[in-house]
Protein backbone atom coordinates (compact mmCIF):
# COMPACT_ATOMS: atom_id res chain seq x y z
CA UNK A 1 1.45 -4.89 20.13
CA UNK A 2 1.12 -4.31 16.52
CA UNK A 3 3.46 -7.13 14.26
CA UNK A 4 6.03 -6.13 12.15
CA UNK A 5 7.26 -8.78 9.53
CA UNK A 6 11.27 -7.39 8.53
CA UNK A 7 12.59 -9.29 6.50
CA UNK A 8 16.23 -8.21 5.27
CA UNK A 9 19.03 -10.08 4.98
CA UNK A 10 21.52 -7.12 6.10
CA UNK A 11 21.98 -7.87 10.04
CA UNK A 12 23.30 -5.33 11.04
CA UNK A 13 20.42 -3.37 8.51
CA UNK A 14 17.65 -5.74 10.16
CA UNK A 15 18.91 -4.83 13.64
CA UNK A 16 18.79 -1.43 13.69
CA UNK A 17 15.76 -1.50 12.62
CA UNK A 18 14.17 -3.61 14.56
CA UNK A 19 15.52 -1.59 17.47
CA UNK A 20 14.13 1.43 16.29
CA UNK A 21 10.82 -0.13 15.60
CA UNK A 22 10.27 -2.16 19.53
CA UNK A 23 11.72 1.65 20.57
CA UNK A 24 7.92 2.55 19.17
CA UNK A 25 6.63 -0.26 20.77
CA UNK A 26 6.35 -3.09 17.99
CA UNK A 27 6.03 -6.72 17.78
CA UNK A 28 8.98 -7.17 15.44
CA UNK A 29 8.93 -10.59 13.26
CA UNK A 30 12.62 -11.52 11.55
CA UNK A 31 13.57 -12.68 8.26
CA UNK A 32 16.75 -13.47 6.42
CA UNK A 33 15.78 -14.85 3.07
CA UNK A 34 12.47 -14.73 0.97
CA UNK A 35 11.30 -18.28 1.78
CA UNK A 36 11.87 -17.08 5.81
CA UNK A 37 9.85 -14.39 4.67
CA UNK A 38 6.26 -16.19 3.99
CA UNK A 39 6.88 -18.84 6.18
CA UNK A 40 6.47 -16.34 9.08
CA UNK A 41 3.77 -14.31 8.16
CA UNK A 42 1.29 -17.65 7.49
CA UNK A 43 2.40 -18.39 11.19
CA UNK A 44 2.30 -14.49 12.83
CA UNK A 45 -0.28 -12.64 10.06
CA UNK A 46 1.95 -9.35 10.86
CA UNK A 47 0.29 -5.75 9.88
CA UNK A 48 3.25 -4.74 7.96
CA UNK A 49 5.89 -6.59 6.30
CA UNK A 50 9.43 -4.71 5.85
CA UNK A 51 10.74 -6.36 2.28
CA UNK A 52 14.25 -5.78 1.50
CA UNK A 53 13.88 -6.12 -2.85
CA UNK A 54 17.62 -7.73 -2.36
CA UNK A 55 16.97 -11.29 -0.61
CA UNK A 56 19.04 -14.67 -1.31
CA UNK A 57 16.60 -16.87 -3.24
CA UNK A 58 12.39 -15.68 -3.50
CA UNK A 59 13.51 -11.75 -4.17
CA UNK A 60 11.38 -9.42 -2.93
CA UNK A 61 9.38 -8.93 -5.33
CA UNK A 62 8.02 -12.21 -5.56
CA UNK A 63 7.38 -12.19 -1.53
CA UNK A 64 5.26 -9.26 -2.13
CA UNK A 65 3.50 -10.82 -4.96
CA UNK A 66 2.58 -13.47 -2.59
CA UNK A 67 1.65 -11.67 0.83
CA UNK A 68 -0.44 -9.37 -1.47
CA UNK A 69 -2.31 -12.55 -3.26
CA UNK A 70 -2.60 -14.15 0.20
CA UNK A 71 -3.06 -11.31 2.80
CA UNK A 72 -5.05 -8.53 0.47
CA UNK A 73 -5.49 -6.26 3.81
CA UNK A 74 -1.62 -5.93 4.98
CA UNK A 75 0.86 -3.20 4.04
CA UNK A 76 3.62 -4.19 2.83
CA UNK A 77 7.06 -1.42 2.70
CA UNK A 78 10.26 -2.28 0.07
CA UNK A 79 13.67 -1.39 0.91
CA UNK A 80 15.52 -0.66 -2.55
CA UNK A 81 18.52 0.76 -3.23
CA UNK A 82 18.88 4.80 -4.29
CA UNK A 83 18.39 5.52 -7.86
CA UNK A 84 17.01 2.06 -8.66
CA UNK A 85 13.47 3.86 -9.88
CA UNK A 86 12.48 0.55 -11.24
CA UNK A 87 12.80 -1.10 -8.13
CA UNK A 88 9.89 1.06 -7.38
CA UNK A 89 8.33 0.67 -9.98
CA UNK A 90 8.16 -3.24 -9.96
CA UNK A 91 7.61 -3.11 -6.34
CA UNK A 92 4.38 -0.97 -6.24
CA UNK A 93 3.18 -3.06 -10.08
CA UNK A 94 3.51 -6.14 -7.48
CA UNK A 95 1.23 -4.52 -5.05
CA UNK A 96 3.80 -2.80 -2.37
CA UNK A 97 2.05 -0.04 -0.63
CA UNK A 98 5.11 2.49 -0.18
CA UNK A 99 8.77 2.35 -0.93
CA UNK A 100 11.33 3.47 1.08
CA UNK A 101 15.13 3.90 -0.40
CA UNK A 102 18.33 3.13 1.30
CA UNK A 103 20.71 4.40 2.73
CA UNK A 104 17.33 5.47 5.62
CA UNK A 105 16.96 6.78 8.41
CA UNK A 106 15.33 4.51 10.63
CA UNK A 107 12.87 7.27 12.84
CA UNK A 108 11.72 7.50 8.39
CA UNK A 109 10.99 4.16 8.41
CA UNK A 110 8.81 3.84 11.29
CA UNK A 111 7.02 7.24 11.04
CA UNK A 112 6.05 5.47 7.77
CA UNK A 113 4.86 2.28 9.39
CA UNK A 114 3.11 4.66 11.72
CA UNK A 115 0.91 6.16 8.85
CA UNK A 116 0.60 2.66 6.73
CA UNK A 117 -1.21 1.52 9.63
CA UNK A 118 -3.21 4.62 9.30
CA UNK A 119 -4.35 3.30 6.40
CA UNK A 120 -4.30 -0.17 6.35
CA UNK A 121 -6.29 -0.56 10.02
CA UNK A 122 -9.29 0.40 12.41
CA UNK A 123 -12.50 2.10 10.59
CA UNK A 124 -14.22 -0.20 12.67
CA UNK A 125 -16.60 2.18 14.25
CA UNK A 126 -17.92 2.88 11.29
CA UNK A 127 -20.27 0.23 10.09
CA UNK A 128 -21.76 2.53 7.19
CA UNK A 129 -21.33 1.75 3.66
CA UNK A 130 -20.30 5.12 0.53
CA UNK A 131 -22.43 3.64 -2.40
CA UNK A 132 -21.93 5.63 -6.38
CA UNK A 133 -23.13 4.21 -8.87
CA UNK A 134 -22.13 -0.28 -9.17
CA UNK A 135 -19.98 0.48 -6.24
CA UNK A 136 -20.35 -0.22 -2.98
CA UNK A 137 -17.96 0.62 -0.38
CA UNK A 138 -18.10 -1.07 3.40
CA UNK A 139 -16.40 0.73 5.50
CA UNK A 140 -16.42 -1.17 8.62
CA UNK A 141 -14.85 -5.00 6.65
CA UNK A 142 -12.64 -2.27 3.75
CA UNK A 143 -13.89 -4.19 0.98
CA UNK A 144 -14.46 -2.68 -2.25
CA UNK A 145 -17.94 -4.26 -4.42
CA UNK A 146 -19.18 -3.02 -7.91
CA UNK A 147 -22.33 -4.95 -8.86
CA UNK A 148 -22.11 -6.64 -5.40
CA UNK A 149 -18.98 -8.30 -6.51
CA UNK A 150 -16.16 -8.05 -3.89
CA UNK A 151 -12.83 -6.67 -5.72
CA UNK A 152 -9.60 -7.43 -4.60
CA UNK A 153 -7.87 -3.87 -3.66
CA UNK A 154 -5.12 -3.06 -1.86
CA UNK A 155 -5.10 -0.71 1.26
CA UNK A 156 -3.74 1.90 -1.05
CA UNK A 157 -6.36 1.27 -3.52
CA UNK A 158 -9.02 1.44 -0.77
CA UNK A 159 -7.67 4.37 0.75
CA UNK A 160 -7.70 6.09 -3.06
CA UNK A 161 -11.51 4.43 -4.08
CA UNK A 162 -12.63 5.56 -0.74
CA UNK A 163 -11.58 9.81 -0.91
CA UNK A 164 -12.42 9.31 -4.98
CA UNK A 165 -16.40 8.28 -3.94
CA UNK A 166 -16.75 10.55 -1.04
CA UNK A 167 -15.48 13.78 -3.15
CA UNK A 168 -17.64 12.80 -6.40
CA UNK A 169 -16.57 15.06 -9.60
CA UNK A 170 -13.82 16.55 -7.49
CA UNK A 171 -10.09 17.08 -9.18
CA UNK A 172 -7.49 16.65 -7.02
CA UNK A 173 -3.71 17.09 -7.89
CA UNK A 174 -1.15 14.15 -6.97
CA UNK A 175 0.84 16.31 -4.24
CA UNK A 176 -3.15 16.05 -2.48
CA UNK A 177 -3.14 11.80 -3.19
CA UNK A 178 0.17 12.06 -1.53
CA UNK A 179 -0.68 13.63 1.25
CA UNK A 180 -4.34 12.15 1.92
CA UNK A 181 -3.96 9.06 1.15
CA UNK A 182 0.15 8.52 2.05
CA UNK A 183 0.46 10.81 4.76
CA UNK A 184 1.94 14.01 5.79
CA UNK A 185 4.84 11.86 7.21
CA UNK A 186 5.33 10.59 3.03
CA UNK A 187 8.96 11.27 1.03
CA UNK A 188 7.79 9.99 -1.79
CA UNK A 189 6.78 11.20 -5.74
CA UNK A 190 3.94 11.21 -7.66
CA UNK A 191 4.80 8.52 -9.54
CA UNK A 192 3.64 6.50 -6.79
CA UNK A 193 -0.34 8.17 -8.18
CA UNK A 194 -0.02 6.80 -11.31
CA UNK A 195 1.24 3.40 -10.57
CA UNK A 196 -1.38 3.08 -8.34
CA UNK A 197 -4.15 4.76 -10.27
CA UNK A 198 -3.53 2.40 -13.40
CA UNK A 199 -3.59 -0.75 -11.20
CA UNK A 200 -6.99 0.36 -9.89
CA UNK A 201 -8.88 1.54 -13.20
CA UNK A 202 -7.62 -2.70 -14.03
CA UNK A 203 -9.72 -3.64 -11.29
CA UNK A 204 -13.03 -1.30 -11.70
CA UNK A 205 -12.80 -0.03 -15.36
CA UNK A 206 -14.73 -2.39 -18.30
CA UNK A 207 -11.94 -0.83 -20.81
CA UNK A 208 -8.85 0.39 -17.99
CA UNK A 209 -7.54 2.71 -21.20
CA UNK A 210 -11.19 4.87 -21.66
CA UNK A 211 -11.56 4.74 -18.33
CA UNK A 212 -14.95 5.85 -17.22
CA UNK A 213 -14.65 6.33 -13.11
CA UNK A 214 -11.75 7.80 -12.57
CA UNK A 215 -10.63 10.60 -15.48
CA UNK A 216 -7.47 11.69 -15.64
CA UNK A 217 -7.33 15.86 -15.52
CA UNK A 218 -4.17 16.70 -17.67
CA UNK A 219 -1.30 18.18 -16.25
CA UNK A 220 -3.15 18.32 -12.54
CA UNK A 221 -4.38 15.25 -11.38
CA UNK A 222 -7.80 12.36 -10.95
CA UNK A 223 -11.29 13.03 -10.49
CA UNK A 224 -13.85 10.45 -9.97
CA UNK A 225 -16.63 11.82 -12.17
CA UNK A 226 -20.14 11.54 -11.59
CA UNK A 227 -22.30 8.54 -11.78
CA UNK A 228 -25.39 8.73 -13.28
């Protein structure tokens, strides 16, 4: 059974989220503070963490940052107050894969969890590698290497570069990337793409301000340049 870590200090919200996740056959590990959430993550090794931003003690951003550093393969979803755009941006910068605005429908949370799991998990049946220029994507271990040195990427960054390398020189709009990487059940906006592209460029480009791999198509989106 897939483990979900739910870090939320409001008991009522945590309760109805837990009920809906259990109904969908997830095992839920609860925590009411950031410190407790980190302890539970270390002990239980969940596949997905759902983190409220406003937590007593260590806030959700700090928890997100620590979990992303320690468990790069873990999927992370942030819960933020409606209209708090800065919370969304900060969450993504700290390593979150997705965010959900409060108030929310618990069914939406379940759909987001399932969509994220599809990206985080189980491509183990295909053990081939994708090779493009200095880059190697190991489809079995879900690792990205450049010049045979592993680059630490989040599940969403991995999905983005995999899509790009599989489709060199193909232009993708931001909406297409949202659909292909975040899944049909994602209800977000295009700024999510720009934040993740910026993070990915910082990791793979020699100079992220003058990218030679991920090219911006102004007014449209992005594409992966054909490497010679």
